[in-house]
Protein backbone atom coordinates (compact mmCIF):
# COMPACT_ATOMS: atom_id res chain seq x y z
CA MET A 1 14.99 2.13 -6.61
CA LYS A 2 14.94 4.69 -3.81
CA GLU A 3 10.52 3.95 -2.95
CA LYS A 4 12.25 0.43 -2.04
CA GLN A 5 14.17 1.48 0.62
CA GLU A 6 11.68 4.33 1.58
CA LEU A 7 9.31 1.37 2.03
CA MET A 8 11.90 -0.37 3.76
CA ASP A 9 12.03 2.16 6.14
CA VAL A 10 8.71 1.94 7.04
CA LEU A 11 8.36 -1.50 7.34
CA SER A 12 11.15 -2.02 9.71
CA SER A 13 9.40 0.87 11.98
CA GLU A 14 7.37 -0.06 15.58
CA GLY A 15 4.18 -0.49 13.48
CA TYR A 16 5.39 -3.75 11.51
CA ARG A 17 7.41 -4.99 14.63
CA PHE A 18 4.47 -4.64 16.86
CA ILE A 19 2.29 -6.41 13.98
CA GLY A 20 5.24 -9.33 13.55
CA ASP A 21 5.41 -9.92 17.49
CA TYR A 22 1.06 -10.33 17.10
CA SER A 23 1.33 -12.63 14.15
CA LEU A 24 4.28 -14.68 16.06
CA ARG A 25 1.78 -15.12 19.09
CA ARG A 26 -1.00 -16.13 16.90
CA TYR A 27 1.00 -18.26 15.45
CA LYS A 28 2.22 -19.76 18.46
CA ASP A 29 -1.41 -20.30 19.15
CA ALA A 30 -2.12 -21.72 16.46
CA ILE A 31 0.78 -24.67 16.78
CA LYS A 32 -0.56 -25.25 20.91
CA GLU A 33 -4.29 -25.28 18.29
CA ALA A 34 -3.05 -28.09 15.84
CA ALA A 35 -1.14 -29.96 19.39
CA LYS A 36 -4.83 -30.48 20.39
CA HIS A 37 -5.56 -32.53 17.08
CA LYS A 38 -2.89 -34.18 16.60
CA LYS A 39 -3.88 -36.86 13.73
CA ASP A 40 -5.49 -33.13 12.10
CA SER A 41 -2.12 -31.45 12.42
CA GLU A 42 -1.17 -32.47 8.50
CA GLY A 43 -3.64 -30.67 7.35
CA PHE A 44 -4.01 -27.46 9.75
CA VAL A 45 -3.38 -24.32 8.32
CA VAL A 46 -2.61 -21.05 10.14
CA LYS A 47 -4.01 -18.21 8.62
């Protein structure tokens, strides 16, 4: 259980927040890309 708490502390650190921000930007870019191809957007998968 202690290891789990330490892991959560690491995940909530600056590094993880940076990765989260980067992922959010990638996701927003993917949404814009999907909007360009609206008829295909149902099958659009964010990788």
